[in-house]
Amino acid sequence: MSAPGPQLSIASTFVLGDMEPLRLVIHHADGSWDFLCDTTDDARFLTTVRAEHVFEQFPTDLAALRSLPPGLLTERGSASDVWSTEPFGDDE
């Protein structure tokens, strides 16, 4: 049996378009990720993407987060702030 392919994840179009910094990253228990600006939860500004593409687009911001275990979220106020990590339950 082969290993499953990369999970689709959610990303803010503001982040992907360099209009807002990455402020919130969630690594879900199922292996998927959220890469968000934390300014809106409007679905019109979210898109599905492979996590690897986001890690490649933001290597400096995400280098330390690549090994974030599932079930955690990390956030910061601005691009120059340190990431703060805490547990995240998908059932919350």
C-alpha atoms as a PDB file:
ATOM      1  CA  MET A   1       0.000   0.000   0.000  1.00  0.00           C
ATOM      2  CA  SER A   2       1.457   3.369  -0.958  1.00  0.00           C
ATOM      3  CA  ALA A   3       1.565   6.400   1.316  1.00  0.00           C
ATOM      4  CA  PRO A   4      -1.210   8.979   0.861  1.00  0.00           C
ATOM      5  CA  GLY A   5      -0.431  12.025  -1.238  1.00  0.00           C
ATOM      6  CA  PRO A   6      -0.024  15.530   0.159  1.00  0.00           C
ATOM      7  CA  GLN A   7      -3.058  16.915   1.927  1.00  0.00           C
ATOM      8  CA  LEU A   8      -4.850  19.916   0.530  1.00  0.00           C
ATOM      9  CA  SER A   9      -4.677  22.832   2.922  1.00  0.00           C
ATOM     10  CA  ILE A  10      -6.320  26.238   3.276  1.00  0.00           C
ATOM     11  CA  ALA A  11      -4.498  29.507   2.638  1.00  0.00           C
ATOM     12  CA  SER A  12      -5.502  33.146   2.687  1.00  0.00           C
ATOM     13  CA  THR A  13      -5.369  34.767  -0.732  1.00  0.00           C
ATOM     14  CA  PHE A  14      -4.117  37.897   1.059  1.00  0.00           C
ATOM     15  CA  VAL A  15      -1.087  35.935   2.288  1.00  0.00           C
ATOM     16  CA  LEU A  16      -0.447  34.222  -1.044  1.00  0.00           C
ATOM     17  CA  GLY A  17      -0.701  37.587  -2.816  1.00  0.00           C
ATOM     18  CA  ASP A  18       1.721  39.260  -0.356  1.00  0.00           C
ATOM     19  CA  MET A  19      -0.998  41.716   0.748  1.00  0.00           C
ATOM     20  CA  GLU A  20      -0.932  40.535   4.373  1.00  0.00           C
ATOM     21  CA  PRO A  21       1.724  38.715   6.408  1.00  0.00           C
ATOM     22  CA  LEU A  22       1.312  35.183   7.606  1.00  0.00           C
ATOM     23  CA  ARG A  23       0.007  35.488  11.190  1.00  0.00           C
ATOM     24  CA  LEU A  24      -1.727  32.183  11.940  1.00  0.00           C
ATOM     25  CA  VAL A  25      -0.650  28.661  11.014  1.00  0.00           C
ATOM     26  CA  ILE A  26      -2.599  25.593  12.110  1.00  0.00           C
ATOM     27  CA  HIS A  27      -1.431  22.014  11.622  1.00  0.00           C
ATOM     28  CA  HIS A  28      -4.557  19.861  11.876  1.00  0.00           C
ATOM     29  CA  ALA A  29      -4.634  16.330  13.265  1.00  0.00           C
ATOM     30  CA  ASP A  30      -5.408  14.997   9.751  1.00  0.00           C
ATOM     31  CA  GLY A  31      -2.136  16.463   8.424  1.00  0.00           C
ATOM     32  CA  SER A  32      -3.662  19.433   6.620  1.00  0.00           C
ATOM     33  CA  TRP A  33      -2.568  22.996   7.312  1.00  0.00           C
ATOM     34  CA  ASP A  34      -4.126  26.464   7.445  1.00  0.00           C
ATOM     35  CA  PHE A  35      -1.971  29.443   6.435  1.00  0.00           C
ATOM     36  CA  LEU A  36      -3.876  32.576   7.375  1.00  0.00           C
ATOM     37  CA  CYS A  37      -3.472  36.321   7.783  1.00  0.00           C
ATOM     38  CA  ASP A  38      -5.961  36.321  10.699  1.00  0.00           C
ATOM     39  CA  THR A  39      -7.783  39.373   9.316  1.00  0.00           C
ATOM     40  CA  THR A  40     -10.801  37.619   7.790  1.00  0.00           C
ATOM     41  CA  ASP A  41     -12.557  34.281   7.782  1.00  0.00           C
ATOM     42  CA  ASP A  42     -14.554  35.118   4.653  1.00  0.00           C
ATOM     43  CA  ALA A  43     -14.412  32.073   2.378  1.00  0.00           C
ATOM     44  CA  ARG A  44     -14.055  34.332  -0.685  1.00  0.00           C
ATOM     45  CA  PHE A  45     -10.513  35.080   0.491  1.00  0.00           C
ATOM     46  CA  LEU A  46      -9.476  31.485   1.168  1.00  0.00           C
ATOM     47  CA  THR A  47      -8.205  28.925  -1.311  1.00  0.00           C
ATOM     48  CA  THR A  48      -7.064  25.325  -1.277  1.00  0.00           C
ATOM     49  CA  VAL A  49      -3.387  24.714  -1.844  1.00  0.00           C
ATOM     50  CA  ARG A  50      -0.819  22.031  -1.196  1.00  0.00           C
ATOM     51  CA  ALA A  51       1.097  22.863   1.971  1.00  0.00           C
ATOM     52  CA  GLU A  52       4.408  22.256   0.202  1.00  0.00           C
ATOM     53  CA  HIS A  53       3.689  25.148  -2.175  1.00  0.00           C
ATOM     54  CA  VAL A  54       3.201  27.536   0.751  1.00  0.00           C
ATOM     55  CA  PHE A  55       6.380  26.291   2.469  1.00  0.00           C
ATOM     56  CA  GLU A  56       8.250  26.941  -0.789  1.00  0.00           C
ATOM     57  CA  GLN A  57       6.726  30.425  -1.223  1.00  0.00           C
ATOM     58  CA  PHE A  58       7.591  31.522   2.338  1.00  0.00           C
ATOM     59  CA  PRO A  59      10.799  29.651   3.229  1.00  0.00           C
ATOM     60  CA  THR A  60      12.000  32.199   5.792  1.00  0.00           C
ATOM     61  CA  ASP A  61       8.670  32.604   7.613  1.00  0.00           C
ATOM     62  CA  LEU A  62       7.906  28.899   7.657  1.00  0.00           C
ATOM     63  CA  ALA A  63      11.314  27.237   8.104  1.00  0.00           C
ATOM     64  CA  ALA A  64      10.807  26.742  11.835  1.00  0.00           C
ATOM     65  CA  LEU A  65       7.165  25.710  11.409  1.00  0.00           C
ATOM     66  CA  ARG A  66       7.690  22.881   8.924  1.00  0.00           C
ATOM     67  CA  SER A  67       8.160  20.487  11.865  1.00  0.00           C
ATOM     68  CA  LEU A  68       5.144  21.791  13.848  1.00  0.00           C
ATOM     69  CA  PRO A  69       3.384  18.664  15.123  1.00  0.00           C
ATOM     70  CA  PRO A  70      -0.256  18.076  14.200  1.00  0.00           C
ATOM     71  CA  GLY A  71      -2.750  19.444  16.715  1.00  0.00           C
ATOM     72  CA  LEU A  72      -0.944  22.754  17.242  1.00  0.00           C
ATOM     73  CA  LEU A  73      -1.442  26.297  16.071  1.00  0.00           C
ATOM     74  CA  THR A  74       1.063  29.089  16.077  1.00  0.00           C
ATOM     75  CA  GLU A  75       0.410  32.785  15.701  1.00  0.00           C
ATOM     76  CA  ARG A  76       2.057  36.182  15.800  1.00  0.00           C
ATOM     77  CA  GLY A  77       0.890  39.790  15.638  1.00  0.00           C
ATOM     78  CA  SER A  78       3.140  40.870  12.778  1.00  0.00           C
ATOM     79  CA  ALA A  79       5.822  39.489  10.493  1.00  0.00           C
ATOM     80  CA  SER A  80       8.540  40.663  12.886  1.00  0.00           C
ATOM     81  CA  ASP A  81       7.014  39.006  15.977  1.00  0.00           C
ATOM     82  CA  VAL A  82       7.997  35.629  17.386  1.00  0.00           C
ATOM     83  CA  TRP A  83       5.600  32.735  16.792  1.00  0.00           C
ATOM     84  CA  SER A  84       3.560  31.656  19.842  1.00  0.00           C
ATOM     85  CA  THR A  85       2.422  28.023  19.782  1.00  0.00           C
ATOM     86  CA  GLU A  86      -0.477  26.355  21.601  1.00  0.00           C
ATOM     87  CA  PRO A  87      -2.664  23.246  21.297  1.00  0.00           C
ATOM     88  CA  PHE A  88      -5.460  23.301  18.740  1.00  0.00           C
ATOM     89  CA  GLY A  89      -8.400  20.925  18.838  1.00  0.00           C
ATOM     90  CA  ASP A  90     -10.248  20.410  15.581  1.00  0.00           C
ATOM     91  CA  ASP A  91     -13.392  19.748  17.616  1.00  0.00           C
ATOM     92  CA  GLU A  92     -13.390  23.175  19.296  1.00  0.00           C
END
